[in-house]
Every structure is written in structure tokens, then in C-alpha cells.
């Protein structure tokens, strides 16, 4: 796993809308330095970083980055707290293969 992916994943799930502007900006900067395509391993690790809401659009950036992984759909097991909706978004966009949550 590339260092920039590891750094993003190590910080855990995205914060919710109540996070400080500095925290939101920091997580966005972390995400924007990760270039696609990501590996299947990186996609699975990144999928565990969804938070309880869209984090001012950062969650959509995360979806688009995960989608750069080569097929087939990576096995996504730990999608983080409150990430059930994002698992459904990924499943719907990638196809009908079930994701485990």
C-alpha cells in the first residue's frame, strides 16, 4: 500500500458535518494526494474510511477514487461506522456483487 493511502486510512473514518473546517480541509488534502488508479487492496482499505455523512462532498471523492481500482469488485469487509449507505452506493455503481458490511 502506498504511503499516502496508508496515511489516509490510518486517520480512520471521515468526520461528520460537525468537524472543524481545519479537519475537513486536512482530510481533503490527504485524499487529493492519492492518485488513481488504486489497487484492489488500497480500494478495500479506503472503503473502511467512510463516515456517517458525505463530509461536505469528500465521501464522493472517496467513492470516485475507489472506483479507479481494477475489476472485479474488491471484497469490502469493514466499511466503518455508519457506512452502510456508502456500501450501497459502491454496490450500485460497481454492479450487483454483494459487499459485506
C-alpha atoms as a PDB file:
ATOM      1  CA  UNK A   1       0.000   0.000   0.000  1.00  0.00           C
ATOM      2  CA  UNK A   2       1.340   3.409  -0.918  1.00  0.00           C
ATOM      3  CA  UNK A   3       2.300   5.752   1.947  1.00  0.00           C
ATOM      4  CA  UNK A   4      -0.313   8.362   1.065  1.00  0.00           C
ATOM      5  CA  UNK A   5      -3.074   5.732   1.166  1.00  0.00           C
ATOM      6  CA  UNK A   6      -1.742   4.390   4.449  1.00  0.00           C
ATOM      7  CA  UNK A   7      -1.779   7.919   5.937  1.00  0.00           C
ATOM      8  CA  UNK A   8      -5.389   8.492   4.904  1.00  0.00           C
ATOM      9  CA  UNK A   9      -6.535   5.091   6.172  1.00  0.00           C
ATOM     10  CA  UNK A  10      -4.628   5.461   9.453  1.00  0.00           C
ATOM     11  CA  UNK A  11      -6.685   8.565  10.281  1.00  0.00           C
ATOM     12  CA  UNK A  12      -9.835   6.444  10.214  1.00  0.00           C
ATOM     13  CA  UNK A  13     -13.330   7.293   9.025  1.00  0.00           C
ATOM     14  CA  UNK A  14     -14.153  10.675   7.584  1.00  0.00           C
ATOM     15  CA  UNK A  15     -15.554  13.098  10.146  1.00  0.00           C
ATOM     16  CA  UNK A  16     -19.171  14.206  10.121  1.00  0.00           C
ATOM     17  CA  UNK A  17     -20.517  17.643   9.283  1.00  0.00           C
ATOM     18  CA  UNK A  18     -19.771  18.907  12.813  1.00  0.00           C
ATOM     19  CA  UNK A  19     -15.980  18.604  12.361  1.00  0.00           C
ATOM     20  CA  UNK A  20     -13.844  21.717  12.272  1.00  0.00           C
ATOM     21  CA  UNK A  21     -13.032  23.361   8.973  1.00  0.00           C
ATOM     22  CA  UNK A  22      -9.368  22.528   9.583  1.00  0.00           C
ATOM     23  CA  UNK A  23     -10.148  18.820   9.996  1.00  0.00           C
ATOM     24  CA  UNK A  24     -12.272  18.756   6.841  1.00  0.00           C
ATOM     25  CA  UNK A  25      -9.541  20.560   4.873  1.00  0.00           C
ATOM     26  CA  UNK A  26      -6.845  18.220   6.207  1.00  0.00           C
ATOM     27  CA  UNK A  27      -8.750  15.085   5.184  1.00  0.00           C
ATOM     28  CA  UNK A  28      -9.485  16.568   1.758  1.00  0.00           C
ATOM     29  CA  UNK A  29      -5.791  17.342   1.248  1.00  0.00           C
ATOM     30  CA  UNK A  30      -4.888  13.788   2.300  1.00  0.00           C
ATOM     31  CA  UNK A  31      -7.312  12.375  -0.230  1.00  0.00           C
ATOM     32  CA  UNK A  32      -6.322  14.605  -3.132  1.00  0.00           C
ATOM     33  CA  UNK A  33      -2.676  13.475  -2.984  1.00  0.00           C
ATOM     34  CA  UNK A  34      -3.737   9.877  -3.672  1.00  0.00           C
ATOM     35  CA  UNK A  35      -3.565   9.350  -7.401  1.00  0.00           C
ATOM     36  CA  UNK A  36      -5.607   6.745  -9.200  1.00  0.00           C
ATOM     37  CA  UNK A  37      -5.771   4.077 -10.130  1.00  0.00           C
ATOM     38  CA  UNK A  38      -5.691   2.469  -6.729  1.00  0.00           C
ATOM     39  CA  UNK A  39      -5.032  -1.224  -6.215  1.00  0.00           C
ATOM     40  CA  UNK A  40      -7.760  -3.593  -5.047  1.00  0.00           C
ATOM     41  CA  UNK A  41      -6.022  -3.719  -1.653  1.00  0.00           C
ATOM     42  CA  UNK A  42      -5.977   0.075  -1.438  1.00  0.00           C
ATOM     43  CA  UNK A  43      -9.638   0.289  -2.517  1.00  0.00           C
ATOM     44  CA  UNK A  44     -10.686  -2.118   0.223  1.00  0.00           C
ATOM     45  CA  UNK A  45      -8.704  -0.145   2.825  1.00  0.00           C
ATOM     46  CA  UNK A  46     -10.104   3.184   1.608  1.00  0.00           C
ATOM     47  CA  UNK A  47     -13.659   1.814   1.750  1.00  0.00           C
ATOM     48  CA  UNK A  48     -13.267   1.484   5.531  1.00  0.00           C
ATOM     49  CA  UNK A  49     -12.895   5.273   5.735  1.00  0.00           C
ATOM     50  CA  UNK A  50     -16.482   6.291   5.056  1.00  0.00           C
ATOM     51  CA  UNK A  51     -18.078   8.234   7.862  1.00  0.00           C
ATOM     52  CA  UNK A  52     -21.674   8.892   8.845  1.00  0.00           C
ATOM     53  CA  UNK A  53     -22.365  11.505   6.130  1.00  0.00           C
ATOM     54  CA  UNK A  54     -20.856  12.886   2.918  1.00  0.00           C
ATOM     55  CA  UNK A  55     -18.338  15.088   4.767  1.00  0.00           C
ATOM     56  CA  UNK A  56     -19.065  18.094   2.547  1.00  0.00           C
ATOM     57  CA  UNK A  57     -18.536  16.047  -0.611  1.00  0.00           C
ATOM     58  CA  UNK A  58     -15.303  14.347   0.409  1.00  0.00           C
ATOM     59  CA  UNK A  59     -17.067  10.983   0.602  1.00  0.00           C
ATOM     60  CA  UNK A  60     -17.945  11.311  -3.088  1.00  0.00           C
ATOM     61  CA  UNK A  61     -14.281  11.989  -3.863  1.00  0.00           C
ATOM     62  CA  UNK A  62     -13.515   8.784  -1.958  1.00  0.00           C
ATOM     63  CA  UNK A  63     -16.107   6.843  -3.987  1.00  0.00           C
ATOM     64  CA  UNK A  64     -14.587   8.059  -7.253  1.00  0.00           C
ATOM     65  CA  UNK A  65     -11.076   7.140  -6.104  1.00  0.00           C
ATOM     66  CA  UNK A  66     -12.167   3.650  -5.033  1.00  0.00           C
ATOM     67  CA  UNK A  67     -13.793   3.196  -8.436  1.00  0.00           C
ATOM     68  CA  UNK A  68     -10.385   3.528 -10.109  1.00  0.00           C
ATOM     69  CA  UNK A  69      -9.425   0.098  -8.760  1.00  0.00           C
ATOM     70  CA  UNK A  70      -9.223  -2.645 -11.369  1.00  0.00           C
ATOM     71  CA  UNK A  71     -12.102  -5.102 -11.524  1.00  0.00           C
ATOM     72  CA  UNK A  72     -13.503  -7.267 -10.168  1.00  0.00           C
ATOM     73  CA  UNK A  73     -15.114  -5.531  -7.232  1.00  0.00           C
ATOM     74  CA  UNK A  74     -12.746  -5.857  -4.278  1.00  0.00           C
ATOM     75  CA  UNK A  75     -14.013  -7.603  -1.183  1.00  0.00           C
ATOM     76  CA  UNK A  76     -15.040  -4.800   1.179  1.00  0.00           C
ATOM     77  CA  UNK A  77     -15.464  -6.112   4.682  1.00  0.00           C
ATOM     78  CA  UNK A  78     -15.034  -3.303   7.228  1.00  0.00           C
ATOM     79  CA  UNK A  79     -16.746  -0.197   5.911  1.00  0.00           C
ATOM     80  CA  UNK A  80     -16.542   1.705   9.182  1.00  0.00           C
ATOM     81  CA  UNK A  81     -19.240   3.087  11.455  1.00  0.00           C
ATOM     82  CA  UNK A  82     -22.358   4.324   9.724  1.00  0.00           C
ATOM     83  CA  UNK A  83     -21.061   3.484   6.260  1.00  0.00           C
ATOM     84  CA  UNK A  84     -23.941   1.256   5.212  1.00  0.00           C
ATOM     85  CA  UNK A  85     -25.292   3.840   2.763  1.00  0.00           C
ATOM     86  CA  UNK A  86     -21.868   4.170   1.148  1.00  0.00           C
ATOM     87  CA  UNK A  87     -21.619   0.393   0.778  1.00  0.00           C
ATOM     88  CA  UNK A  88     -24.880   0.551  -1.153  1.00  0.00           C
ATOM     89  CA  UNK A  89     -23.552   3.385  -3.342  1.00  0.00           C
ATOM     90  CA  UNK A  90     -20.455   1.352  -4.193  1.00  0.00           C
ATOM     91  CA  UNK A  91     -22.510  -1.783  -4.844  1.00  0.00           C
ATOM     92  CA  UNK A  92     -24.935   0.083  -7.082  1.00  0.00           C
ATOM     93  CA  UNK A  93     -22.172   1.773  -9.056  1.00  0.00           C
ATOM     94  CA  UNK A  94     -19.960  -1.315  -9.379  1.00  0.00           C
ATOM     95  CA  UNK A  95     -22.694  -3.799 -10.110  1.00  0.00           C
ATOM     96  CA  UNK A  96     -24.748  -6.302  -8.256  1.00  0.00           C
ATOM     97  CA  UNK A  97     -21.998  -8.202  -6.484  1.00  0.00           C
ATOM     98  CA  UNK A  98     -22.741  -8.103  -2.752  1.00  0.00           C
ATOM     99  CA  UNK A  99     -20.464  -6.163  -0.436  1.00  0.00           C
ATOM    100  CA  UNK A 100     -20.024  -7.422   3.079  1.00  0.00           C
ATOM    101  CA  UNK A 101     -20.516  -4.863   5.806  1.00  0.00           C
END
